[in-house]
Amino acid sequence: MRRAKRPRRAVFLDKDGTLVTNVPYNVRPDLITLAPRADEALRIFHDAGLDIVVVSNQPGVAFGRFEERAMGAVRQRIEELVTPFGVRLLGLYFCPHHPQGTIPRYAVECECRKPRCGLLHAAAADLNLATSESWMVGDILDDIEAGRRAGCRTVLVDNGGETEWLSGPFREPHVVVRDLAAAARIIAEPPLVGAVRPVHVPNVVAP
């Protein structure tokens, strides 16, 4: 009898403002570029043997800004950006819903829109990932809440994306950094043990 494979660890990344530069409602591949110092982060993930999964709210679908199928080209573009660094994009999981959307079939409450954790659970089930051994990295506290609800360690990239700072029981990140490269350096180290309050880590300048 073949033994089931042990679930793997991975890094869940928010898309806009974390992995790539935030261009609101954009699905044009030519406008998708890596966020500052994301190239360094990808090198670190590669060296640590870590794959990534992108989890993203895409309410532009619900508001009629673009069709859901446009995300196929977005995934392809992200693969083009990360592949040169040796990092595998295991999947792009996105939520097309928004309760105030103008397209009725997408204007719903759902379990996949962050801060809910449906995207992470779906990816973990599809890809055999252990959320308890994985990290969620994002630039707003909705990303942190989604990660903590899924059982992940969390890193907030405090680059100005978060403007409301609404507190809550799942909205306290384990680590706060200034960019994705600093997050990657933390993630590549042995797991933090017993972290409760955020740990503010200064940027690390690449050698």
N, C-alpha and C. Protein backbone atom coordinates (compact mmCIF):
# COMPACT_ATOMS: atom_id res chain seq x y z
N MET A 1 0.85 -1.19 0.00
CA MET A 1 0.00 0.00 0.00
C MET A 1 0.89 1.25 0.00
N ARG A 2 0.63 2.16 -0.94
CA ARG A 2 1.44 3.37 -1.06
C ARG A 2 1.10 4.36 0.05
N ARG A 3 2.15 4.83 0.73
CA ARG A 3 1.95 5.79 1.82
C ARG A 3 1.63 7.17 1.25
N ALA A 4 0.63 7.84 1.84
CA ALA A 4 0.25 9.17 1.39
C ALA A 4 1.40 10.14 1.63
N LYS A 5 1.58 11.06 0.68
CA LYS A 5 2.64 12.05 0.81
C LYS A 5 2.33 13.01 1.95
N ARG A 6 3.37 13.35 2.71
CA ARG A 6 3.22 14.30 3.80
C ARG A 6 2.95 15.69 3.22
N PRO A 7 1.97 16.42 3.77
CA PRO A 7 1.71 17.78 3.29
C PRO A 7 2.96 18.65 3.36
N ARG A 8 3.11 19.53 2.38
CA ARG A 8 4.29 20.39 2.28
C ARG A 8 4.01 21.77 2.85
N ARG A 9 5.08 22.51 3.12
CA ARG A 9 4.94 23.91 3.49
C ARG A 9 5.14 24.76 2.24
N ALA A 10 4.51 25.91 2.24
CA ALA A 10 4.62 26.83 1.11
C ALA A 10 4.43 28.25 1.65
N VAL A 11 4.55 29.20 0.75
CA VAL A 11 4.31 30.60 1.10
C VAL A 11 3.11 31.09 0.30
N PHE A 12 2.07 31.50 1.02
CA PHE A 12 0.92 32.14 0.39
C PHE A 12 1.22 33.63 0.28
N LEU A 13 1.10 34.16 -0.93
CA LEU A 13 1.39 35.58 -1.15
C LEU A 13 0.16 36.29 -1.68
N ASP A 14 -0.16 37.42 -1.08
CA ASP A 14 -1.10 38.34 -1.70
C ASP A 14 -0.48 38.83 -3.00
N LYS A 15 -1.32 39.18 -3.95
CA LYS A 15 -0.81 39.60 -5.26
C LYS A 15 -0.48 41.10 -5.28
N ASP A 16 -1.50 41.94 -5.31
CA ASP A 16 -1.32 43.37 -5.55
C ASP A 16 -0.80 44.09 -4.32
N GLY A 17 0.34 44.73 -4.47
CA GLY A 17 0.94 45.44 -3.37
C GLY A 17 1.92 44.61 -2.56
N THR A 18 1.95 43.30 -2.82
CA THR A 18 2.86 42.42 -2.10
C THR A 18 3.86 41.79 -3.06
N LEU A 19 3.37 40.95 -3.97
CA LEU A 19 4.25 40.34 -4.96
C LEU A 19 4.46 41.25 -6.16
N VAL A 20 3.39 41.90 -6.62
CA VAL A 20 3.49 42.79 -7.78
C VAL A 20 3.01 44.18 -7.39
N THR A 21 3.44 45.15 -8.18
CA THR A 21 3.02 46.54 -7.95
C THR A 21 1.51 46.66 -8.10
N ASN A 22 0.89 47.38 -7.20
CA ASN A 22 -0.57 47.51 -7.22
C ASN A 22 -1.02 48.49 -8.29
N VAL A 23 -1.69 47.96 -9.30
CA VAL A 23 -2.36 48.77 -10.32
C VAL A 23 -3.83 48.39 -10.25
N PRO A 24 -4.69 49.23 -9.69
CA PRO A 24 -6.08 48.85 -9.42
C PRO A 24 -6.81 48.30 -10.64
N TYR A 25 -7.47 47.16 -10.43
CA TYR A 25 -8.31 46.51 -11.44
C TYR A 25 -7.55 46.16 -12.72
N ASN A 26 -6.26 45.97 -12.60
CA ASN A 26 -5.48 45.69 -13.80
C ASN A 26 -5.43 44.20 -14.13
N VAL A 27 -5.67 43.84 -15.39
CA VAL A 27 -5.44 42.48 -15.87
C VAL A 27 -4.58 42.49 -17.14
N ARG A 28 -4.01 43.64 -17.47
CA ARG A 28 -3.11 43.72 -18.62
C ARG A 28 -1.73 43.18 -18.23
N PRO A 29 -1.30 42.09 -18.85
CA PRO A 29 -0.01 41.50 -18.47
C PRO A 29 1.16 42.48 -18.56
N ASP A 30 1.14 43.39 -19.54
CA ASP A 30 2.27 44.29 -19.71
C ASP A 30 2.40 45.31 -18.59
N LEU A 31 1.36 45.46 -17.78
CA LEU A 31 1.40 46.39 -16.65
C LEU A 31 1.70 45.68 -15.33
N ILE A 32 1.89 44.38 -15.37
CA ILE A 32 2.16 43.61 -14.16
C ILE A 32 3.67 43.50 -13.98
N THR A 33 4.18 44.12 -12.93
CA THR A 33 5.62 44.11 -12.64
C THR A 33 5.83 43.74 -11.18
N LEU A 34 6.99 43.20 -10.89
CA LEU A 34 7.30 42.82 -9.52
C LEU A 34 7.37 44.05 -8.61
N ALA A 35 6.90 43.88 -7.39
CA ALA A 35 6.98 44.94 -6.38
C ALA A 35 8.45 45.17 -6.01
N PRO A 36 8.76 46.31 -5.43
CA PRO A 36 10.14 46.58 -5.02
C PRO A 36 10.71 45.48 -4.14
N ARG A 37 11.88 45.00 -4.50
CA ARG A 37 12.65 43.97 -3.79
C ARG A 37 11.98 42.60 -3.80
N ALA A 38 10.95 42.44 -4.60
CA ALA A 38 10.36 41.10 -4.75
C ALA A 38 11.32 40.16 -5.45
N ASP A 39 12.18 40.68 -6.32
CA ASP A 39 13.16 39.82 -6.97
C ASP A 39 14.09 39.18 -5.95
N GLU A 40 14.54 39.96 -4.98
CA GLU A 40 15.38 39.42 -3.92
C GLU A 40 14.64 38.37 -3.11
N ALA A 41 13.36 38.65 -2.82
CA ALA A 41 12.55 37.69 -2.06
C ALA A 41 12.44 36.35 -2.80
N LEU A 42 12.24 36.42 -4.10
CA LEU A 42 12.10 35.19 -4.89
C LEU A 42 13.39 34.38 -4.87
N ARG A 43 14.53 35.04 -4.89
CA ARG A 43 15.80 34.32 -4.78
C ARG A 43 15.91 33.61 -3.44
N ILE A 44 15.48 34.28 -2.39
CA ILE A 44 15.52 33.68 -1.05
C ILE A 44 14.59 32.49 -0.98
N PHE A 45 13.39 32.61 -1.50
CA PHE A 45 12.46 31.48 -1.50
C PHE A 45 13.04 30.30 -2.26
N HIS A 46 13.67 30.58 -3.40
CA HIS A 46 14.28 29.51 -4.18
C HIS A 46 15.37 28.81 -3.38
N ASP A 47 16.25 29.59 -2.77
CA ASP A 47 17.35 29.01 -2.00
C ASP A 47 16.85 28.18 -0.82
N ALA A 48 15.68 28.56 -0.28
CA ALA A 48 15.10 27.84 0.86
C ALA A 48 14.23 26.67 0.41
N GLY A 49 14.08 26.48 -0.90
CA GLY A 49 13.27 25.38 -1.41
C GLY A 49 11.78 25.59 -1.21
N LEU A 50 11.35 26.84 -1.21
CA LEU A 50 9.95 27.16 -0.97
C LEU A 50 9.23 27.53 -2.25
N ASP A 51 8.06 26.96 -2.45
CA ASP A 51 7.19 27.32 -3.56
C ASP A 51 6.16 28.33 -3.08
N ILE A 52 5.51 29.02 -4.02
CA ILE A 52 4.56 30.06 -3.65
C ILE A 52 3.18 29.77 -4.24
N VAL A 53 2.18 30.26 -3.54
CA VAL A 53 0.80 30.24 -4.00
C VAL A 53 0.27 31.67 -3.86
N VAL A 54 -0.26 32.21 -4.92
CA VAL A 54 -0.82 33.56 -4.87
C VAL A 54 -2.30 33.47 -4.55
N VAL A 55 -2.74 34.22 -3.56
CA VAL A 55 -4.15 34.27 -3.16
C VAL A 55 -4.60 35.72 -3.20
N SER A 56 -5.64 36.01 -3.98
CA SER A 56 -5.94 37.41 -4.28
C SER A 56 -7.43 37.67 -4.38
N ASN A 57 -7.89 38.76 -3.76
CA ASN A 57 -9.24 39.25 -4.01
C ASN A 57 -9.24 39.99 -5.34
N GLN A 58 -10.19 39.67 -6.20
CA GLN A 58 -10.31 40.33 -7.50
C GLN A 58 -11.74 40.81 -7.71
N PRO A 59 -12.16 41.83 -6.94
CA PRO A 59 -13.54 42.32 -7.03
C PRO A 59 -13.86 42.99 -8.35
N GLY A 60 -12.84 43.26 -9.17
CA GLY A 60 -13.11 43.82 -10.49
C GLY A 60 -14.05 42.96 -11.31
N VAL A 61 -14.03 41.65 -11.06
CA VAL A 61 -14.97 40.76 -11.75
C VAL A 61 -16.39 41.10 -11.34
N ALA A 62 -16.62 41.21 -10.04
CA ALA A 62 -17.96 41.50 -9.52
C ALA A 62 -18.46 42.86 -9.95
N PHE A 63 -17.55 43.80 -10.17
CA PHE A 63 -17.95 45.15 -10.58
C PHE A 63 -17.93 45.34 -12.10
N GLY A 64 -17.71 44.27 -12.83
CA GLY A 64 -17.77 44.35 -14.28
C GLY A 64 -16.57 45.02 -14.92
N ARG A 65 -15.47 45.17 -14.19
CA ARG A 65 -14.27 45.79 -14.76
C ARG A 65 -13.55 44.87 -15.74
N PHE A 66 -13.63 43.57 -15.49
CA PHE A 66 -13.04 42.58 -16.39
C PHE A 66 -13.71 41.23 -16.13
N GLU A 67 -13.55 40.30 -17.06
CA GLU A 67 -14.15 38.98 -16.93
C GLU A 67 -13.23 38.04 -16.17
N GLU A 68 -13.83 37.05 -15.55
CA GLU A 68 -13.07 36.10 -14.74
C GLU A 68 -11.98 35.41 -15.56
N ARG A 69 -12.27 35.14 -16.81
CA ARG A 69 -11.30 34.43 -17.66
C ARG A 69 -10.03 35.23 -17.88
N ALA A 70 -10.07 36.55 -17.68
CA ALA A 70 -8.88 37.38 -17.86
C ALA A 70 -7.77 37.01 -16.88
N MET A 71 -8.12 36.35 -15.80
CA MET A 71 -7.12 35.99 -14.80
C MET A 71 -6.17 34.91 -15.30
N GLY A 72 -6.54 34.22 -16.38
CA GLY A 72 -5.62 33.24 -16.95
C GLY A 72 -4.35 33.88 -17.46
N ALA A 73 -4.48 35.01 -18.14
CA ALA A 73 -3.31 35.74 -18.63
C ALA A 73 -2.52 36.35 -17.48
N VAL A 74 -3.21 36.72 -16.40
CA VAL A 74 -2.52 37.25 -15.22
C VAL A 74 -1.64 36.17 -14.60
N ARG A 75 -2.19 34.96 -14.47
CA ARG A 75 -1.38 33.87 -13.92
C ARG A 75 -0.16 33.61 -14.81
N GLN A 76 -0.36 33.59 -16.10
CA GLN A 76 0.75 33.33 -17.01
C GLN A 76 1.84 34.39 -16.84
N ARG A 77 1.43 35.64 -16.70
CA ARG A 77 2.40 36.72 -16.52
C ARG A 77 3.17 36.56 -15.21
N ILE A 78 2.48 36.19 -14.14
CA ILE A 78 3.17 36.00 -12.86
C ILE A 78 4.16 34.85 -12.96
N GLU A 79 3.78 33.78 -13.65
CA GLU A 79 4.72 32.68 -13.87
C GLU A 79 5.96 33.16 -14.61
N GLU A 80 5.76 34.02 -15.61
CA GLU A 80 6.90 34.56 -16.36
C GLU A 80 7.82 35.38 -15.45
N LEU A 81 7.23 36.06 -14.48
CA LEU A 81 8.03 36.91 -13.60
C LEU A 81 8.81 36.10 -12.56
N VAL A 82 8.24 35.02 -12.06
CA VAL A 82 8.89 34.29 -10.97
C VAL A 82 9.79 33.16 -11.46
N THR A 83 9.52 32.61 -12.63
CA THR A 83 10.29 31.46 -13.12
C THR A 83 11.78 31.73 -13.25
N PRO A 84 12.21 32.90 -13.72
CA PRO A 84 13.66 33.14 -13.83
C PRO A 84 14.40 33.02 -12.50
N PHE A 85 13.70 33.12 -11.39
CA PHE A 85 14.34 33.01 -10.08
C PHE A 85 14.30 31.58 -9.54
N GLY A 86 13.77 30.65 -10.33
CA GLY A 86 13.72 29.26 -9.91
C GLY A 86 12.58 28.92 -8.99
N VAL A 87 11.66 29.84 -8.80
CA VAL A 87 10.52 29.63 -7.90
C VAL A 87 9.34 29.08 -8.69
N ARG A 88 8.67 28.09 -8.11
CA ARG A 88 7.47 27.55 -8.75
C ARG A 88 6.23 28.24 -8.22
N LEU A 89 5.39 28.69 -9.13
CA LEU A 89 4.07 29.19 -8.76
C LEU A 89 3.13 27.99 -8.77
N LEU A 90 2.76 27.53 -7.59
CA LEU A 90 1.91 26.35 -7.49
C LEU A 90 0.48 26.63 -7.92
N GLY A 91 0.05 27.87 -7.77
CA GLY A 91 -1.31 28.22 -8.16
C GLY A 91 -1.61 29.67 -7.92
N LEU A 92 -2.59 30.17 -8.66
CA LEU A 92 -3.16 31.50 -8.42
C LEU A 92 -4.62 31.28 -8.08
N TYR A 93 -4.96 31.54 -6.84
CA TYR A 93 -6.33 31.37 -6.36
C TYR A 93 -6.89 32.77 -6.11
N PHE A 94 -8.04 33.04 -6.71
CA PHE A 94 -8.60 34.39 -6.57
C PHE A 94 -10.09 34.33 -6.29
N CYS A 95 -10.55 35.37 -5.62
CA CYS A 95 -11.97 35.53 -5.32
C CYS A 95 -12.55 36.58 -6.26
N PRO A 96 -13.57 36.23 -7.06
CA PRO A 96 -14.17 37.19 -7.98
C PRO A 96 -15.37 37.93 -7.40
N HIS A 97 -15.67 37.69 -6.12
CA HIS A 97 -16.92 38.19 -5.53
C HIS A 97 -16.74 39.52 -4.80
N HIS A 98 -17.86 40.21 -4.64
CA HIS A 98 -17.95 41.36 -3.74
C HIS A 98 -19.43 41.58 -3.44
N PRO A 99 -19.78 41.73 -2.16
CA PRO A 99 -21.21 41.86 -1.82
C PRO A 99 -21.90 43.03 -2.50
N GLN A 100 -21.17 44.10 -2.81
CA GLN A 100 -21.76 45.27 -3.47
C GLN A 100 -21.51 45.28 -4.98
N GLY A 101 -21.14 44.15 -5.54
CA GLY A 101 -20.84 44.08 -6.96
C GLY A 101 -22.06 44.38 -7.83
N THR A 102 -21.80 44.66 -9.10
CA THR A 102 -22.88 44.99 -10.05
C THR A 102 -23.25 43.81 -10.95
N ILE A 103 -22.47 42.75 -10.90
CA ILE A 103 -22.78 41.54 -11.67
C ILE A 103 -23.44 40.56 -10.70
N PRO A 104 -24.73 40.29 -10.86
CA PRO A 104 -25.48 39.57 -9.82
C PRO A 104 -24.85 38.26 -9.36
N ARG A 105 -24.35 37.44 -10.26
CA ARG A 105 -23.84 36.14 -9.82
C ARG A 105 -22.55 36.25 -9.02
N TYR A 106 -21.90 37.41 -9.07
CA TYR A 106 -20.70 37.61 -8.26
C TYR A 106 -20.95 38.51 -7.06
N ALA A 107 -22.12 39.13 -6.99
CA ALA A 107 -22.43 40.06 -5.90
C ALA A 107 -23.00 39.29 -4.71
N VAL A 108 -22.15 38.48 -4.09
CA VAL A 108 -22.58 37.58 -3.02
C VAL A 108 -21.58 37.60 -1.88
N GLU A 109 -22.07 37.20 -0.71
CA GLU A 109 -21.17 36.89 0.40
C GLU A 109 -20.58 35.52 0.11
N CYS A 110 -19.29 35.36 0.33
CA CYS A 110 -18.64 34.10 0.00
C CYS A 110 -17.65 33.74 1.10
N GLU A 111 -17.08 32.57 0.97
CA GLU A 111 -16.07 32.12 1.92
C GLU A 111 -14.65 32.33 1.40
N CYS A 112 -14.55 32.79 0.14
CA CYS A 112 -13.20 32.91 -0.43
C CYS A 112 -12.63 34.31 -0.37
N ARG A 113 -13.46 35.33 -0.17
CA ARG A 113 -12.93 36.69 -0.14
C ARG A 113 -12.21 36.94 1.17
N LYS A 114 -10.93 37.28 1.08
CA LYS A 114 -10.21 37.64 2.29
C LYS A 114 -10.88 38.84 2.95
N PRO A 115 -11.07 38.85 4.25
CA PRO A 115 -10.31 38.14 5.28
C PRO A 115 -10.75 36.72 5.61
N ARG A 116 -11.75 36.19 4.91
CA ARG A 116 -12.05 34.78 5.11
C ARG A 116 -10.96 33.94 4.46
N CYS A 117 -10.91 32.67 4.84
CA CYS A 117 -9.73 31.87 4.49
C CYS A 117 -10.02 30.79 3.45
N GLY A 118 -11.12 30.92 2.71
CA GLY A 118 -11.47 29.88 1.75
C GLY A 118 -10.43 29.67 0.67
N LEU A 119 -9.77 30.74 0.20
CA LEU A 119 -8.75 30.58 -0.83
C LEU A 119 -7.60 29.72 -0.33
N LEU A 120 -7.17 29.96 0.88
CA LEU A 120 -6.05 29.20 1.44
C LEU A 120 -6.43 27.74 1.67
N HIS A 121 -7.63 27.51 2.16
CA HIS A 121 -8.07 26.14 2.37
C HIS A 121 -8.21 25.39 1.06
N ALA A 122 -8.71 26.07 0.03
CA ALA A 122 -8.84 25.42 -1.28
C ALA A 122 -7.47 25.05 -1.83
N ALA A 123 -6.53 25.99 -1.74
CA ALA A 123 -5.18 25.72 -2.23
C ALA A 123 -4.52 24.59 -1.45
N ALA A 124 -4.68 24.60 -0.13
CA ALA A 124 -4.07 23.56 0.69
C ALA A 124 -4.62 22.18 0.33
N ALA A 125 -5.93 22.10 0.09
CA ALA A 125 -6.54 20.83 -0.28
C ALA A 125 -6.09 20.36 -1.66
N ASP A 126 -6.05 21.29 -2.61
CA ASP A 126 -5.66 20.95 -3.98
C ASP A 126 -4.20 20.54 -4.09
N LEU A 127 -3.35 21.22 -3.32
CA LEU A 127 -1.90 21.11 -3.51
C LEU A 127 -1.20 20.33 -2.41
N ASN A 128 -1.96 19.79 -1.48
CA ASN A 128 -1.40 19.01 -0.37
C ASN A 128 -0.42 19.85 0.45
N LEU A 129 -0.92 20.98 0.94
CA LEU A 129 -0.10 21.89 1.72
C LEU A 129 -0.53 21.87 3.18
N ALA A 130 0.43 22.01 4.06
CA ALA A 130 0.15 22.10 5.49
C ALA A 130 0.11 23.57 5.87
N THR A 131 -1.07 24.10 6.12
CA THR A 131 -1.16 25.52 6.47
C THR A 131 -0.44 25.82 7.79
N SER A 132 -0.41 24.85 8.70
CA SER A 132 0.24 25.08 9.99
C SER A 132 1.75 25.23 9.86
N GLU A 133 2.31 24.81 8.72
CA GLU A 133 3.75 24.94 8.48
C GLU A 133 4.04 25.98 7.40
N SER A 134 3.03 26.69 6.98
CA SER A 134 3.16 27.65 5.89
C SER A 134 3.00 29.08 6.41
N TRP A 135 3.28 30.02 5.52
CA TRP A 135 3.20 31.44 5.86
C TRP A 135 2.25 32.14 4.89
N MET A 136 1.56 33.15 5.40
CA MET A 136 0.76 34.05 4.57
C MET A 136 1.38 35.43 4.67
N VAL A 137 1.65 36.04 3.51
CA VAL A 137 2.28 37.36 3.47
C VAL A 137 1.37 38.30 2.68
N GLY A 138 1.06 39.45 3.26
CA GLY A 138 0.24 40.43 2.57
C GLY A 138 0.49 41.83 3.07
N ASP A 139 -0.11 42.80 2.37
CA ASP A 139 0.15 44.20 2.72
C ASP A 139 -1.00 44.85 3.46
N ILE A 140 -2.07 44.09 3.75
CA ILE A 140 -3.17 44.63 4.56
C ILE A 140 -3.59 43.59 5.59
N LEU A 141 -4.33 44.05 6.59
CA LEU A 141 -4.69 43.16 7.69
C LEU A 141 -5.73 42.11 7.28
N ASP A 142 -6.47 42.33 6.21
CA ASP A 142 -7.35 41.28 5.71
C ASP A 142 -6.54 40.05 5.29
N ASP A 143 -5.35 40.26 4.75
CA ASP A 143 -4.47 39.14 4.41
C ASP A 143 -4.04 38.41 5.68
N ILE A 144 -3.71 39.17 6.69
CA ILE A 144 -3.27 38.58 7.96
C ILE A 144 -4.39 37.75 8.58
N GLU A 145 -5.59 38.30 8.58
CA GLU A 145 -6.72 37.57 9.16
C GLU A 145 -6.98 36.27 8.40
N ALA A 146 -6.94 36.32 7.09
CA ALA A 146 -7.14 35.11 6.30
C ALA A 146 -6.09 34.06 6.64
N GLY A 147 -4.84 34.50 6.74
CA GLY A 147 -3.77 33.57 7.07
C GLY A 147 -3.92 32.97 8.45
N ARG A 148 -4.22 33.79 9.43
CA ARG A 148 -4.34 33.28 10.79
C ARG A 148 -5.55 32.37 10.93
N ARG A 149 -6.64 32.69 10.24
CA ARG A 149 -7.80 31.81 10.29
C ARG A 149 -7.50 30.44 9.67
N ALA A 150 -6.60 30.43 8.70
CA ALA A 150 -6.22 29.17 8.06
C ALA A 150 -5.14 28.42 8.85
N GLY A 151 -4.61 29.05 9.89
CA GLY A 151 -3.60 28.40 10.72
C GLY A 151 -2.18 28.67 10.31
N CYS A 152 -1.96 29.68 9.44
CA CYS A 152 -0.62 30.01 8.97
C CYS A 152 0.09 30.97 9.91
N ARG A 153 1.41 31.00 9.85
CA ARG A 153 2.17 32.12 10.35
C ARG A 153 1.96 33.28 9.38
N THR A 154 2.07 34.48 9.86
CA THR A 154 1.71 35.63 9.01
C THR A 154 2.76 36.73 9.07
N VAL A 155 2.91 37.41 7.93
CA VAL A 155 3.81 38.57 7.84
C VAL A 155 3.04 39.70 7.17
N LEU A 156 3.02 40.84 7.81
CA LEU A 156 2.47 42.05 7.21
C LEU A 156 3.59 42.85 6.58
N VAL A 157 3.48 43.12 5.29
CA VAL A 157 4.40 44.02 4.61
C VAL A 157 3.81 45.42 4.75
N ASP A 158 4.35 46.18 5.66
CA ASP A 158 3.81 47.51 5.99
C ASP A 158 4.39 48.54 5.03
N ASN A 159 3.82 48.59 3.83
CA ASN A 159 4.33 49.48 2.79
C ASN A 159 3.33 50.57 2.41
N GLY A 160 2.34 50.79 3.26
CA GLY A 160 1.34 51.81 3.00
C GLY A 160 0.04 51.28 2.45
N GLY A 161 -0.03 49.98 2.19
CA GLY A 161 -1.27 49.40 1.67
C GLY A 161 -2.41 49.42 2.66
N GLU A 162 -2.10 49.20 3.92
CA GLU A 162 -3.13 49.21 4.96
C GLU A 162 -3.38 50.64 5.41
N THR A 163 -4.64 51.06 5.35
CA THR A 163 -4.99 52.43 5.72
C THR A 163 -6.03 52.50 6.84
N GLU A 164 -6.72 51.39 7.12
CA GLU A 164 -7.79 51.43 8.11
C GLU A 164 -7.35 50.92 9.48
N TRP A 165 -6.49 49.93 9.52
CA TRP A 165 -5.97 49.38 10.76
C TRP A 165 -7.06 48.96 11.74
N LEU A 166 -8.05 48.25 11.23
CA LEU A 166 -9.12 47.73 12.08
C LEU A 166 -8.61 46.51 12.84
N SER A 167 -8.70 46.57 14.15
CA SER A 167 -8.17 45.48 14.97
C SER A 167 -9.18 44.34 15.07
N GLY A 168 -8.72 43.21 15.53
CA GLY A 168 -9.57 42.05 15.70
C GLY A 168 -8.74 40.87 16.17
N PRO A 169 -9.40 39.80 16.62
CA PRO A 169 -8.67 38.67 17.21
C PRO A 169 -7.75 37.94 16.25
N PHE A 170 -7.97 38.05 14.93
CA PHE A 170 -7.13 37.36 13.96
C PHE A 170 -6.27 38.33 13.14
N ARG A 171 -6.23 39.58 13.55
CA ARG A 171 -5.62 40.61 12.69
C ARG A 171 -4.27 41.11 13.20
N GLU A 172 -3.65 40.36 14.08
CA GLU A 172 -2.35 40.73 14.61
C GLU A 172 -1.29 39.86 13.94
N PRO A 173 -0.46 40.43 13.09
CA PRO A 173 0.54 39.63 12.40
C PRO A 173 1.63 39.12 13.34
N HIS A 174 2.22 37.99 12.97
CA HIS A 174 3.34 37.49 13.74
C HIS A 174 4.58 38.35 13.53
N VAL A 175 4.73 38.88 12.32
CA VAL A 175 5.90 39.68 11.97
C VAL A 175 5.45 40.84 11.11
N VAL A 176 6.07 42.00 11.30
CA VAL A 176 5.83 43.18 10.47
C VAL A 176 7.15 43.60 9.85
N VAL A 177 7.17 43.76 8.52
CA VAL A 177 8.38 44.18 7.82
C VAL A 177 8.01 45.27 6.81
N ARG A 178 9.01 45.79 6.11
CA ARG A 178 8.77 46.87 5.17
C ARG A 178 8.63 46.42 3.73
N ASP A 179 9.14 45.25 3.40
CA ASP A 179 9.02 44.79 2.02
C ASP A 179 9.10 43.28 1.97
N LEU A 180 8.88 42.72 0.80
CA LEU A 180 8.80 41.27 0.65
C LEU A 180 10.14 40.59 0.89
N ALA A 181 11.23 41.25 0.55
CA ALA A 181 12.54 40.65 0.78
C ALA A 181 12.79 40.43 2.27
N ALA A 182 12.43 41.41 3.09
CA ALA A 182 12.58 41.25 4.53
C ALA A 182 11.69 40.12 5.05
N ALA A 183 10.49 40.00 4.49
CA ALA A 183 9.61 38.89 4.87
C ALA A 183 10.25 37.56 4.51
N ALA A 184 10.83 37.47 3.32
CA ALA A 184 11.42 36.22 2.86
C ALA A 184 12.57 35.79 3.77
N ARG A 185 13.36 36.74 4.24
CA ARG A 185 14.47 36.40 5.12
C ARG A 185 13.96 35.78 6.42
N ILE A 186 12.87 36.29 6.93
CA ILE A 186 12.27 35.71 8.14
C ILE A 186 11.74 34.31 7.87
N ILE A 187 11.01 34.17 6.77
CA ILE A 187 10.38 32.89 6.44
C ILE A 187 11.41 31.80 6.20
N ALA A 188 12.56 32.16 5.63
CA ALA A 188 13.59 31.18 5.31
C ALA A 188 14.32 30.68 6.55
N GLU A 189 14.15 31.36 7.67
CA GLU A 189 14.77 30.94 8.92
C GLU A 189 13.91 29.86 9.58
N PRO A 190 14.44 29.18 10.61
CA PRO A 190 13.62 28.21 11.35
C PRO A 190 12.36 28.87 11.87
N PRO A 191 11.24 28.12 11.98
CA PRO A 191 9.96 28.71 12.38
C PRO A 191 10.04 29.43 13.72
N LEU A 192 9.33 30.55 13.78
CA LEU A 192 9.20 31.24 15.06
C LEU A 192 8.38 30.39 16.01
N VAL A 193 8.71 30.42 17.28
CA VAL A 193 7.99 29.63 18.27
C VAL A 193 7.33 30.57 19.26
N GLY A 194 6.04 30.41 19.44
CA GLY A 194 5.33 31.14 20.47
C GLY A 194 5.14 32.62 20.22
N ALA A 195 5.27 33.06 18.96
CA ALA A 195 5.09 34.47 18.68
C ALA A 195 3.63 34.86 18.84
N VAL A 196 3.37 35.90 19.62
CA VAL A 196 2.00 36.36 19.83
C VAL A 196 1.86 37.78 19.33
N ARG A 197 2.71 38.65 19.80
CA ARG A 197 2.66 40.04 19.35
C ARG A 197 3.55 40.23 18.13
N PRO A 198 3.23 41.23 17.31
CA PRO A 198 4.06 41.46 16.12
C PRO A 198 5.52 41.74 16.48
N VAL A 199 6.41 41.24 15.66
CA VAL A 199 7.82 41.49 15.83
C VAL A 199 8.26 42.39 14.69
N HIS A 200 8.67 43.59 14.99
CA HIS A 200 9.06 44.54 13.95
C HIS A 200 10.51 44.28 13.55
N VAL A 201 10.69 43.96 12.28
CA VAL A 201 12.02 43.59 11.79
C VAL A 201 12.47 44.64 10.79
N PRO A 202 13.64 45.22 10.99
CA PRO A 202 14.11 46.24 10.03
C PRO A 202 14.46 45.61 8.70
N ASN A 203 14.46 46.41 7.66
CA ASN A 203 14.87 45.94 6.35
C ASN A 203 16.30 45.41 6.42
N VAL A 204 16.55 44.39 5.61
CA VAL A 204 17.90 43.86 5.47
C VAL A 204 18.36 44.18 4.06
N VAL A 205 19.42 44.95 3.95
CA VAL A 205 19.92 45.34 2.63
C VAL A 205 20.66 44.17 2.02
N ALA A 206 20.33 43.87 0.77
CA ALA A 206 20.98 42.75 0.10
C ALA A 206 22.47 43.01 -0.02
N PRO A 207 23.28 41.97 0.18
CA PRO A 207 24.73 42.17 0.05
C PRO A 207 25.12 42.47 -1.39
